[in-house]
Amino acid sequence: MNTNFIESTETFVISFGGKSSIDAETFSQTINNTIELLKESALANDPSCFVRLEIKANNTGSFETIIEAIVRFSENIFNKDNLDLPKKF
């Protein structure tokens, strides 16, 4: 039995204006929430539909995610004097 499917493809662009960077958790939550919204919208229209979402590269043949780790710490918490302090008691 041959089954014909109707396929629809749409492109969505999520743009964060302002800086040239974004908090990783904000980015992740935005992508996850967008995926859920698109899936729920499609399933509300047709509960038997198949939904597949892809994140496309900005330039063909390359996809680059740059993660910058920023760690802040108090400058003098761990030094030789502080590590030796418990030995004095």
C-alpha atoms as a PDB file:
ATOM      1  CA  MET A   1       0.000   0.000   0.000  1.00  0.00           C
ATOM      2  CA  ASN A   2       1.399   3.381  -1.000  1.00  0.00           C
ATOM      3  CA  THR A   3       0.824   6.235   1.373  1.00  0.00           C
ATOM      4  CA  ASN A   4       1.290   9.767   0.192  1.00  0.00           C
ATOM      5  CA  PHE A   5       2.538  12.284   2.692  1.00  0.00           C
ATOM      6  CA  ILE A   6       2.242  16.016   2.573  1.00  0.00           C
ATOM      7  CA  GLU A   7       5.430  17.637   3.797  1.00  0.00           C
ATOM      8  CA  SER A   8       5.823  21.215   4.838  1.00  0.00           C
ATOM      9  CA  THR A   9       9.153  22.853   5.601  1.00  0.00           C
ATOM     10  CA  GLU A  10       9.457  26.216   7.288  1.00  0.00           C
ATOM     11  CA  THR A  11      12.523  28.128   8.394  1.00  0.00           C
ATOM     12  CA  PHE A  12      12.632  29.983  11.678  1.00  0.00           C
ATOM     13  CA  VAL A  13      15.369  32.333  12.747  1.00  0.00           C
ATOM     14  CA  ILE A  14      15.954  33.089  16.402  1.00  0.00           C
ATOM     15  CA  SER A  15      17.979  36.233  16.831  1.00  0.00           C
ATOM     16  CA  PHE A  16      19.326  37.665  20.054  1.00  0.00           C
ATOM     17  CA  GLY A  17      20.040  41.330  19.512  1.00  0.00           C
ATOM     18  CA  GLY A  18      22.640  43.347  21.299  1.00  0.00           C
ATOM     19  CA  LYS A  19      25.753  41.525  22.374  1.00  0.00           C
ATOM     20  CA  SER A  20      27.865  39.098  20.370  1.00  0.00           C
ATOM     21  CA  SER A  21      27.411  36.453  23.080  1.00  0.00           C
ATOM     22  CA  ILE A  22      24.576  34.912  25.090  1.00  0.00           C
ATOM     23  CA  ASP A  23      24.324  33.017  28.365  1.00  0.00           C
ATOM     24  CA  ALA A  24      24.476  29.269  27.578  1.00  0.00           C
ATOM     25  CA  GLU A  25      21.479  28.401  29.771  1.00  0.00           C
ATOM     26  CA  THR A  26      19.358  31.137  28.182  1.00  0.00           C
ATOM     27  CA  PHE A  27      20.316  29.865  24.715  1.00  0.00           C
ATOM     28  CA  SER A  28      19.563  26.248  25.648  1.00  0.00           C
ATOM     29  CA  GLN A  29      16.205  27.093  27.225  1.00  0.00           C
ATOM     30  CA  THR A  30      15.220  29.218  24.242  1.00  0.00           C
ATOM     31  CA  ILE A  31      16.000  26.395  21.798  1.00  0.00           C
ATOM     32  CA  ASN A  32      14.231  23.784  23.945  1.00  0.00           C
ATOM     33  CA  ASN A  33      11.147  25.987  24.427  1.00  0.00           C
ATOM     34  CA  THR A  34      11.004  26.774  20.702  1.00  0.00           C
ATOM     35  CA  ILE A  35      11.189  23.056  19.861  1.00  0.00           C
ATOM     36  CA  GLU A  36       8.375  22.258  22.292  1.00  0.00           C
ATOM     37  CA  LEU A  37       6.221  25.098  20.963  1.00  0.00           C
ATOM     38  CA  LEU A  38       6.656  24.007  17.338  1.00  0.00           C
ATOM     39  CA  LYS A  39       5.965  20.344  18.173  1.00  0.00           C
ATOM     40  CA  GLU A  40       2.838  21.194  20.194  1.00  0.00           C
ATOM     41  CA  SER A  41       1.580  23.483  17.424  1.00  0.00           C
ATOM     42  CA  ALA A  42       2.015  20.795  14.769  1.00  0.00           C
ATOM     43  CA  LEU A  43       0.432  18.079  16.933  1.00  0.00           C
ATOM     44  CA  ALA A  44      -2.515  20.343  17.798  1.00  0.00           C
ATOM     45  CA  ASN A  45      -3.119  20.709  14.064  1.00  0.00           C
ATOM     46  CA  ASP A  46      -2.749  16.959  13.366  1.00  0.00           C
ATOM     47  CA  PRO A  47      -2.118  14.572  16.302  1.00  0.00           C
ATOM     48  CA  SER A  48      -0.770  11.876  13.972  1.00  0.00           C
ATOM     49  CA  CYS A  49       1.867  14.028  12.287  1.00  0.00           C
ATOM     50  CA  PHE A  50       5.610  13.401  12.426  1.00  0.00           C
ATOM     51  CA  VAL A  51       7.719  16.374  13.501  1.00  0.00           C
ATOM     52  CA  ARG A  52      11.475  16.631  12.941  1.00  0.00           C
ATOM     53  CA  LEU A  53      13.395  19.789  13.731  1.00  0.00           C
ATOM     54  CA  GLU A  54      16.952  20.572  12.706  1.00  0.00           C
ATOM     55  CA  ILE A  55      19.326  23.365  13.567  1.00  0.00           C
ATOM     56  CA  LYS A  56      20.994  24.497  10.380  1.00  0.00           C
ATOM     57  CA  ALA A  57      24.494  25.892  10.040  1.00  0.00           C
ATOM     58  CA  ASN A  58      24.861  29.573   9.368  1.00  0.00           C
ATOM     59  CA  ASN A  59      27.187  28.808   6.468  1.00  0.00           C
ATOM     60  CA  THR A  60      26.909  25.655   4.409  1.00  0.00           C
ATOM     61  CA  GLY A  61      29.529  23.101   5.364  1.00  0.00           C
ATOM     62  CA  SER A  62      30.260  24.537   8.792  1.00  0.00           C
ATOM     63  CA  PHE A  63      28.541  24.664  12.119  1.00  0.00           C
ATOM     64  CA  GLU A  64      30.359  26.230  14.981  1.00  0.00           C
ATOM     65  CA  THR A  65      29.276  26.629  18.575  1.00  0.00           C
ATOM     66  CA  ILE A  66      31.675  28.603  20.697  1.00  0.00           C
ATOM     67  CA  ILE A  67      31.429  28.182  24.455  1.00  0.00           C
ATOM     68  CA  GLU A  68      33.253  30.603  26.670  1.00  0.00           C
ATOM     69  CA  ALA A  69      33.657  29.483  30.276  1.00  0.00           C
ATOM     70  CA  ILE A  70      33.889  32.274  32.808  1.00  0.00           C
ATOM     71  CA  VAL A  71      34.891  31.380  36.345  1.00  0.00           C
ATOM     72  CA  ARG A  72      35.106  33.918  39.157  1.00  0.00           C
ATOM     73  CA  PHE A  73      36.804  33.212  42.435  1.00  0.00           C
ATOM     74  CA  SER A  74      38.165  35.088  45.381  1.00  0.00           C
ATOM     75  CA  GLU A  75      41.815  35.720  44.747  1.00  0.00           C
ATOM     76  CA  ASN A  76      43.271  34.544  48.046  1.00  0.00           C
ATOM     77  CA  ILE A  77      41.016  31.698  49.184  1.00  0.00           C
ATOM     78  CA  PHE A  78      43.424  28.910  48.302  1.00  0.00           C
ATOM     79  CA  ASN A  79      46.993  29.770  49.076  1.00  0.00           C
ATOM     80  CA  LYS A  80      49.742  28.052  51.039  1.00  0.00           C
ATOM     81  CA  ASP A  81      48.947  29.887  54.293  1.00  0.00           C
ATOM     82  CA  ASN A  82      45.235  29.030  54.176  1.00  0.00           C
ATOM     83  CA  LEU A  83      45.880  25.382  53.329  1.00  0.00           C
ATOM     84  CA  ASP A  84      48.281  25.065  56.274  1.00  0.00           C
ATOM     85  CA  LEU A  85      45.858  26.759  58.691  1.00  0.00           C
ATOM     86  CA  PRO A  86      44.080  23.555  59.890  1.00  0.00           C
ATOM     87  CA  LYS A  87      47.452  22.089  60.917  1.00  0.00           C
ATOM     88  CA  LYS A  88      47.780  24.805  63.573  1.00  0.00           C
ATOM     89  CA  PHE A  89      44.737  23.585  65.536  1.00  0.00           C
END
